[in-house]
């Protein structure tokens, strides 16, 4: 019905979630990215998101260089596109078993920040 947000007595389902509207739906993602580009407080986060996706599509041989460029651009304190909302654990240089090209935690924190 038109009760402002419930269906059958329950909460609205996944179709209204941030992830569905702004991450999984191509048009929603495009519109949200355009919003981020024009919002000074979110432009760096939007650029990081775009670069993470570009990184995920690059060839294996290019990944190490792309990862270093991504880290330098977005993880450097004081930089123009520094993403200070990311925890130090997400942006720390990888050690031990983690490959230097794994940005899973960064992506999770980025989407949580934007949500």
N, C-alpha and C. Protein backbone atom coordinates (compact mmCIF):
# COMPACT_ATOMS: atom_id res chain seq x y z
N UNK A 1 0.80 -1.18 0.00
CA UNK A 1 0.00 0.00 0.00
C UNK A 1 0.84 1.24 0.00
N UNK A 2 0.18 2.32 0.35
CA UNK A 2 0.84 3.61 0.34
C UNK A 2 1.10 4.06 1.77
N UNK A 3 1.68 3.17 2.55
CA UNK A 3 1.91 3.47 3.94
C UNK A 3 3.31 4.01 4.20
N UNK A 4 4.02 4.42 3.14
CA UNK A 4 5.29 5.10 3.31
C UNK A 4 6.48 4.21 3.59
N UNK A 5 6.42 2.93 3.30
CA UNK A 5 7.64 2.17 3.46
C UNK A 5 7.49 0.77 3.99
N UNK A 6 6.28 0.27 4.12
CA UNK A 6 6.17 -1.12 4.53
C UNK A 6 5.32 -1.86 3.52
N UNK A 7 5.54 -3.14 3.45
CA UNK A 7 4.78 -4.01 2.57
C UNK A 7 4.34 -5.21 3.38
N UNK A 8 3.09 -5.43 3.45
CA UNK A 8 2.61 -6.60 4.18
C UNK A 8 3.02 -6.59 5.64
N UNK A 9 3.17 -5.42 6.21
CA UNK A 9 3.52 -5.32 7.61
C UNK A 9 5.01 -5.37 7.88
N UNK A 10 5.83 -5.67 6.85
CA UNK A 10 7.28 -5.76 7.06
C UNK A 10 8.01 -4.58 6.45
N UNK A 11 9.28 -4.58 6.60
CA UNK A 11 10.12 -3.53 6.02
C UNK A 11 10.26 -3.76 4.53
N UNK A 12 10.60 -2.68 3.82
CA UNK A 12 10.87 -2.83 2.40
C UNK A 12 12.05 -3.77 2.20
N UNK A 13 12.01 -4.51 1.14
CA UNK A 13 13.05 -5.49 0.90
C UNK A 13 14.29 -4.90 0.26
N UNK A 14 15.05 -5.78 -0.31
CA UNK A 14 16.34 -5.45 -0.90
C UNK A 14 16.24 -4.42 -2.01
N UNK A 15 15.10 -4.33 -2.67
CA UNK A 15 14.97 -3.44 -3.82
C UNK A 15 15.15 -1.97 -3.48
N UNK A 16 15.17 -1.60 -2.22
CA UNK A 16 15.39 -0.21 -1.86
C UNK A 16 16.72 -0.01 -1.13
N UNK A 17 17.52 -1.03 -1.06
CA UNK A 17 18.79 -0.92 -0.33
C UNK A 17 19.80 -0.12 -1.15
N UNK A 18 20.75 0.47 -0.45
CA UNK A 18 21.84 1.21 -1.11
C UNK A 18 22.57 0.29 -2.09
N UNK A 19 22.92 -0.90 -1.63
CA UNK A 19 23.69 -1.82 -2.47
C UNK A 19 22.94 -2.12 -3.77
N UNK A 20 21.67 -2.38 -3.69
CA UNK A 20 20.90 -2.72 -4.89
C UNK A 20 20.78 -1.51 -5.80
N UNK A 21 20.41 -0.37 -5.26
CA UNK A 21 20.17 0.81 -6.08
C UNK A 21 21.43 1.44 -6.64
N UNK A 22 22.50 1.51 -5.85
CA UNK A 22 23.69 2.28 -6.23
C UNK A 22 24.91 1.44 -6.60
N UNK A 23 24.85 0.14 -6.39
CA UNK A 23 25.99 -0.71 -6.71
C UNK A 23 25.61 -1.73 -7.78
N UNK A 24 24.47 -2.39 -7.60
CA UNK A 24 24.11 -3.47 -8.50
C UNK A 24 23.33 -3.03 -9.74
N UNK A 25 22.59 -1.96 -9.66
CA UNK A 25 21.80 -1.49 -10.81
C UNK A 25 22.61 -0.51 -11.65
N UNK A 26 22.85 -0.81 -12.92
CA UNK A 26 23.72 0.05 -13.74
C UNK A 26 23.30 1.51 -13.79
N UNK A 27 22.03 1.80 -13.96
CA UNK A 27 21.61 3.21 -14.05
C UNK A 27 21.73 3.90 -12.69
N UNK A 28 21.39 3.19 -11.64
CA UNK A 28 21.53 3.76 -10.30
C UNK A 28 22.99 4.03 -9.97
N UNK A 29 23.85 3.11 -10.36
CA UNK A 29 25.28 3.26 -10.13
C UNK A 29 25.81 4.47 -10.89
N UNK A 30 25.42 4.61 -12.15
CA UNK A 30 25.86 5.74 -12.97
C UNK A 30 25.41 7.07 -12.37
N UNK A 31 24.15 7.16 -11.99
CA UNK A 31 23.64 8.39 -11.41
C UNK A 31 24.31 8.71 -10.07
N UNK A 32 24.52 7.69 -9.25
CA UNK A 32 25.17 7.91 -7.96
C UNK A 32 26.61 8.37 -8.16
N UNK A 33 27.31 7.78 -9.13
CA UNK A 33 28.69 8.19 -9.41
C UNK A 33 28.74 9.64 -9.88
N UNK A 34 27.79 10.04 -10.69
CA UNK A 34 27.74 11.44 -11.14
C UNK A 34 27.53 12.37 -9.95
N UNK A 35 26.67 11.97 -9.04
CA UNK A 35 26.47 12.75 -7.82
C UNK A 35 27.78 12.88 -7.04
N UNK A 36 28.50 11.76 -6.88
CA UNK A 36 29.75 11.77 -6.13
C UNK A 36 30.78 12.70 -6.78
N UNK A 37 30.85 12.68 -8.10
CA UNK A 37 31.81 13.54 -8.81
C UNK A 37 31.55 15.01 -8.54
N UNK A 38 30.29 15.38 -8.38
CA UNK A 38 29.94 16.78 -8.18
C UNK A 38 29.89 17.22 -6.73
N UNK A 39 30.07 16.29 -5.82
CA UNK A 39 30.00 16.61 -4.38
C UNK A 39 31.42 16.66 -3.83
N UNK A 40 31.92 17.85 -3.48
CA UNK A 40 33.32 17.97 -3.03
C UNK A 40 33.71 16.99 -1.92
N UNK A 41 32.84 16.73 -1.00
CA UNK A 41 33.16 15.83 0.10
C UNK A 41 33.21 14.36 -0.29
N UNK A 42 32.72 14.04 -1.48
CA UNK A 42 32.65 12.64 -1.91
C UNK A 42 33.40 12.36 -3.20
N UNK A 43 33.98 13.38 -3.81
CA UNK A 43 34.64 13.20 -5.11
C UNK A 43 35.78 12.18 -5.02
N UNK A 44 36.60 12.24 -3.97
CA UNK A 44 37.71 11.29 -3.84
C UNK A 44 37.19 9.87 -3.66
N UNK A 45 36.13 9.71 -2.88
CA UNK A 45 35.55 8.38 -2.68
C UNK A 45 35.00 7.84 -4.00
N UNK A 46 34.36 8.71 -4.78
CA UNK A 46 33.85 8.29 -6.08
C UNK A 46 34.97 7.89 -7.02
N UNK A 47 36.07 8.66 -7.00
CA UNK A 47 37.22 8.34 -7.85
C UNK A 47 37.86 7.03 -7.41
N UNK A 48 37.95 6.80 -6.10
CA UNK A 48 38.50 5.55 -5.60
C UNK A 48 37.66 4.38 -6.07
N UNK A 49 36.36 4.50 -5.99
CA UNK A 49 35.45 3.43 -6.43
C UNK A 49 35.69 3.13 -7.91
N UNK A 50 35.76 4.16 -8.74
CA UNK A 50 35.99 3.96 -10.17
C UNK A 50 37.34 3.28 -10.42
N UNK A 51 38.37 3.71 -9.68
CA UNK A 51 39.69 3.12 -9.87
C UNK A 51 39.76 1.67 -9.38
N UNK A 52 39.04 1.35 -8.30
CA UNK A 52 39.00 -0.03 -7.84
C UNK A 52 38.37 -0.93 -8.90
N UNK A 53 37.31 -0.45 -9.52
CA UNK A 53 36.67 -1.26 -10.56
C UNK A 53 37.55 -1.38 -11.80
N UNK A 54 38.25 -0.31 -12.17
CA UNK A 54 39.18 -0.37 -13.30
C UNK A 54 40.31 -1.35 -12.99
N UNK A 55 40.78 -1.32 -11.75
CA UNK A 55 41.83 -2.23 -11.30
C UNK A 55 41.37 -3.68 -11.42
N UNK A 56 40.13 -3.96 -11.03
CA UNK A 56 39.61 -5.32 -11.09
C UNK A 56 39.52 -5.84 -12.52
N UNK A 57 39.44 -4.94 -13.49
CA UNK A 57 39.35 -5.34 -14.89
C UNK A 57 40.71 -5.42 -15.59
N UNK A 58 41.77 -4.94 -14.97
CA UNK A 58 43.07 -4.90 -15.65
C UNK A 58 43.71 -6.29 -15.70
N UNK A 59 44.64 -6.43 -16.62
CA UNK A 59 45.34 -7.70 -16.81
C UNK A 59 46.22 -8.00 -15.60
N UNK A 60 46.47 -9.27 -15.35
CA UNK A 60 47.29 -9.69 -14.22
C UNK A 60 48.67 -9.03 -14.25
N UNK A 61 49.26 -8.91 -15.42
CA UNK A 61 50.60 -8.34 -15.55
C UNK A 61 50.63 -6.86 -15.15
N UNK A 62 49.49 -6.19 -15.21
CA UNK A 62 49.42 -4.76 -14.89
C UNK A 62 49.03 -4.49 -13.44
N UNK A 63 48.64 -5.52 -12.73
CA UNK A 63 48.07 -5.33 -11.39
C UNK A 63 49.02 -4.71 -10.37
N UNK A 64 50.27 -5.12 -10.34
CA UNK A 64 51.20 -4.59 -9.34
C UNK A 64 51.38 -3.09 -9.51
N UNK A 65 51.58 -2.64 -10.74
CA UNK A 65 51.74 -1.21 -11.01
C UNK A 65 50.47 -0.43 -10.72
N UNK A 66 49.33 -1.01 -11.10
CA UNK A 66 48.05 -0.35 -10.86
C UNK A 66 47.77 -0.26 -9.36
N UNK A 67 48.12 -1.31 -8.61
CA UNK A 67 47.91 -1.30 -7.16
C UNK A 67 48.77 -0.23 -6.50
N UNK A 68 50.02 -0.11 -6.94
CA UNK A 68 50.91 0.91 -6.37
C UNK A 68 50.38 2.31 -6.67
N UNK A 69 49.90 2.53 -7.89
CA UNK A 69 49.36 3.84 -8.27
C UNK A 69 48.11 4.15 -7.44
N UNK A 70 47.26 3.16 -7.25
CA UNK A 70 46.04 3.35 -6.47
C UNK A 70 46.39 3.70 -5.02
N UNK A 71 47.35 2.98 -4.45
CA UNK A 71 47.76 3.25 -3.07
C UNK A 71 48.34 4.65 -2.95
N UNK A 72 49.17 5.05 -3.89
CA UNK A 72 49.77 6.37 -3.85
C UNK A 72 48.75 7.49 -3.99
N UNK A 73 47.77 7.28 -4.83
CA UNK A 73 46.77 8.31 -5.10
C UNK A 73 45.77 8.50 -3.96
N UNK A 74 45.30 7.42 -3.38
CA UNK A 74 44.20 7.50 -2.43
C UNK A 74 44.57 7.24 -0.96
N UNK A 75 45.72 6.63 -0.71
CA UNK A 75 46.06 6.25 0.65
C UNK A 75 47.11 7.15 1.28
N UNK A 76 47.63 8.13 0.55
CA UNK A 76 48.69 9.00 1.05
C UNK A 76 48.10 10.17 1.84
N UNK A 77 48.35 10.22 3.15
CA UNK A 77 47.82 11.32 3.96
C UNK A 77 48.30 12.67 3.42
N UNK A 78 47.37 13.62 3.36
CA UNK A 78 47.70 14.95 2.87
C UNK A 78 47.54 15.10 1.37
N UNK A 79 47.37 14.01 0.66
CA UNK A 79 47.19 14.07 -0.79
C UNK A 79 45.82 14.64 -1.14
N UNK A 80 45.70 15.16 -2.34
CA UNK A 80 44.45 15.79 -2.79
C UNK A 80 43.28 14.80 -2.80
N UNK A 81 43.56 13.53 -3.04
CA UNK A 81 42.48 12.54 -3.10
C UNK A 81 42.60 11.50 -1.98
N UNK A 82 43.24 11.88 -0.89
CA UNK A 82 43.38 10.97 0.25
C UNK A 82 41.99 10.63 0.79
N UNK A 83 41.75 9.35 0.99
CA UNK A 83 40.47 8.88 1.51
C UNK A 83 40.64 8.57 3.00
N UNK A 84 40.57 9.60 3.81
CA UNK A 84 40.80 9.50 5.24
C UNK A 84 39.78 8.68 6.00
N UNK A 85 38.66 8.36 5.37
CA UNK A 85 37.64 7.55 6.04
C UNK A 85 38.04 6.08 6.12
N UNK A 86 39.05 5.67 5.35
CA UNK A 86 39.50 4.29 5.39
C UNK A 86 40.36 4.07 6.63
N UNK A 87 40.16 2.94 7.29
CA UNK A 87 40.95 2.63 8.47
C UNK A 87 42.38 2.29 8.06
N UNK A 88 43.30 2.52 8.98
CA UNK A 88 44.72 2.24 8.70
C UNK A 88 44.95 0.78 8.31
N UNK A 89 44.17 -0.12 8.89
CA UNK A 89 44.33 -1.54 8.56
C UNK A 89 44.01 -1.82 7.10
N UNK A 90 43.09 -1.06 6.53
CA UNK A 90 42.72 -1.26 5.13
C UNK A 90 43.78 -0.70 4.18
N UNK A 91 44.42 0.39 4.59
CA UNK A 91 45.36 1.06 3.70
C UNK A 91 46.82 0.69 3.95
N UNK A 92 47.08 -0.08 4.98
CA UNK A 92 48.46 -0.46 5.29
C UNK A 92 49.03 -1.31 4.16
N UNK A 93 50.31 -1.14 3.88
CA UNK A 93 50.94 -2.00 2.87
C UNK A 93 50.79 -3.46 3.30
N UNK A 94 50.47 -4.33 2.37
CA UNK A 94 50.25 -5.73 2.72
C UNK A 94 51.54 -6.40 3.20
N UNK A 95 51.37 -7.31 4.13
CA UNK A 95 52.50 -8.07 4.66
C UNK A 95 52.12 -9.53 4.70
N UNK A 96 53.09 -10.39 4.73
CA UNK A 96 52.83 -11.82 4.89
C UNK A 96 52.08 -12.43 3.74
N UNK A 97 50.96 -13.06 4.05
CA UNK A 97 50.23 -13.85 3.06
C UNK A 97 49.35 -13.04 2.13
N UNK A 98 48.95 -11.84 2.52
CA UNK A 98 48.04 -11.05 1.70
C UNK A 98 48.76 -10.54 0.45
N UNK A 99 48.18 -10.74 -0.72
CA UNK A 99 48.81 -10.20 -1.92
C UNK A 99 48.73 -8.68 -1.92
N UNK A 100 49.72 -8.00 -2.51
CA UNK A 100 49.73 -6.54 -2.51
C UNK A 100 48.62 -5.96 -3.37
N UNK A 101 47.89 -6.82 -4.02
CA UNK A 101 46.87 -6.36 -4.94
C UNK A 101 45.45 -6.67 -4.45
N UNK A 102 45.29 -6.99 -3.18
CA UNK A 102 43.98 -7.32 -2.63
C UNK A 102 43.37 -6.08 -1.97
N UNK A 103 42.29 -5.57 -2.55
CA UNK A 103 41.64 -4.38 -2.02
C UNK A 103 40.24 -4.67 -1.50
N UNK A 104 39.99 -5.91 -1.09
CA UNK A 104 38.66 -6.29 -0.61
C UNK A 104 38.20 -5.48 0.59
N UNK A 105 39.08 -5.29 1.57
CA UNK A 105 38.71 -4.53 2.77
C UNK A 105 38.49 -3.06 2.42
N UNK A 106 39.30 -2.53 1.51
CA UNK A 106 39.13 -1.14 1.08
C UNK A 106 37.76 -0.96 0.44
N UNK A 107 37.40 -1.89 -0.43
CA UNK A 107 36.10 -1.80 -1.11
C UNK A 107 34.95 -1.86 -0.11
N UNK A 108 35.05 -2.76 0.87
CA UNK A 108 34.00 -2.88 1.89
C UNK A 108 33.85 -1.58 2.66
N UNK A 109 34.97 -1.00 3.09
CA UNK A 109 34.91 0.24 3.87
C UNK A 109 34.44 1.41 3.03
N UNK A 110 34.83 1.43 1.75
CA UNK A 110 34.38 2.48 0.85
C UNK A 110 32.86 2.45 0.71
N UNK A 111 32.29 1.29 0.43
CA UNK A 111 30.84 1.18 0.26
C UNK A 111 30.11 1.48 1.57
N UNK A 112 30.67 1.06 2.68
CA UNK A 112 30.05 1.38 3.98
C UNK A 112 30.05 2.88 4.21
N UNK A 113 31.13 3.56 3.83
CA UNK A 113 31.22 5.02 3.97
C UNK A 113 30.18 5.72 3.10
N UNK A 114 30.00 5.25 1.89
CA UNK A 114 29.06 5.89 0.97
C UNK A 114 27.61 5.60 1.32
N UNK A 115 27.37 4.47 1.94
CA UNK A 115 26.01 4.10 2.31
C UNK A 115 25.48 5.04 3.37
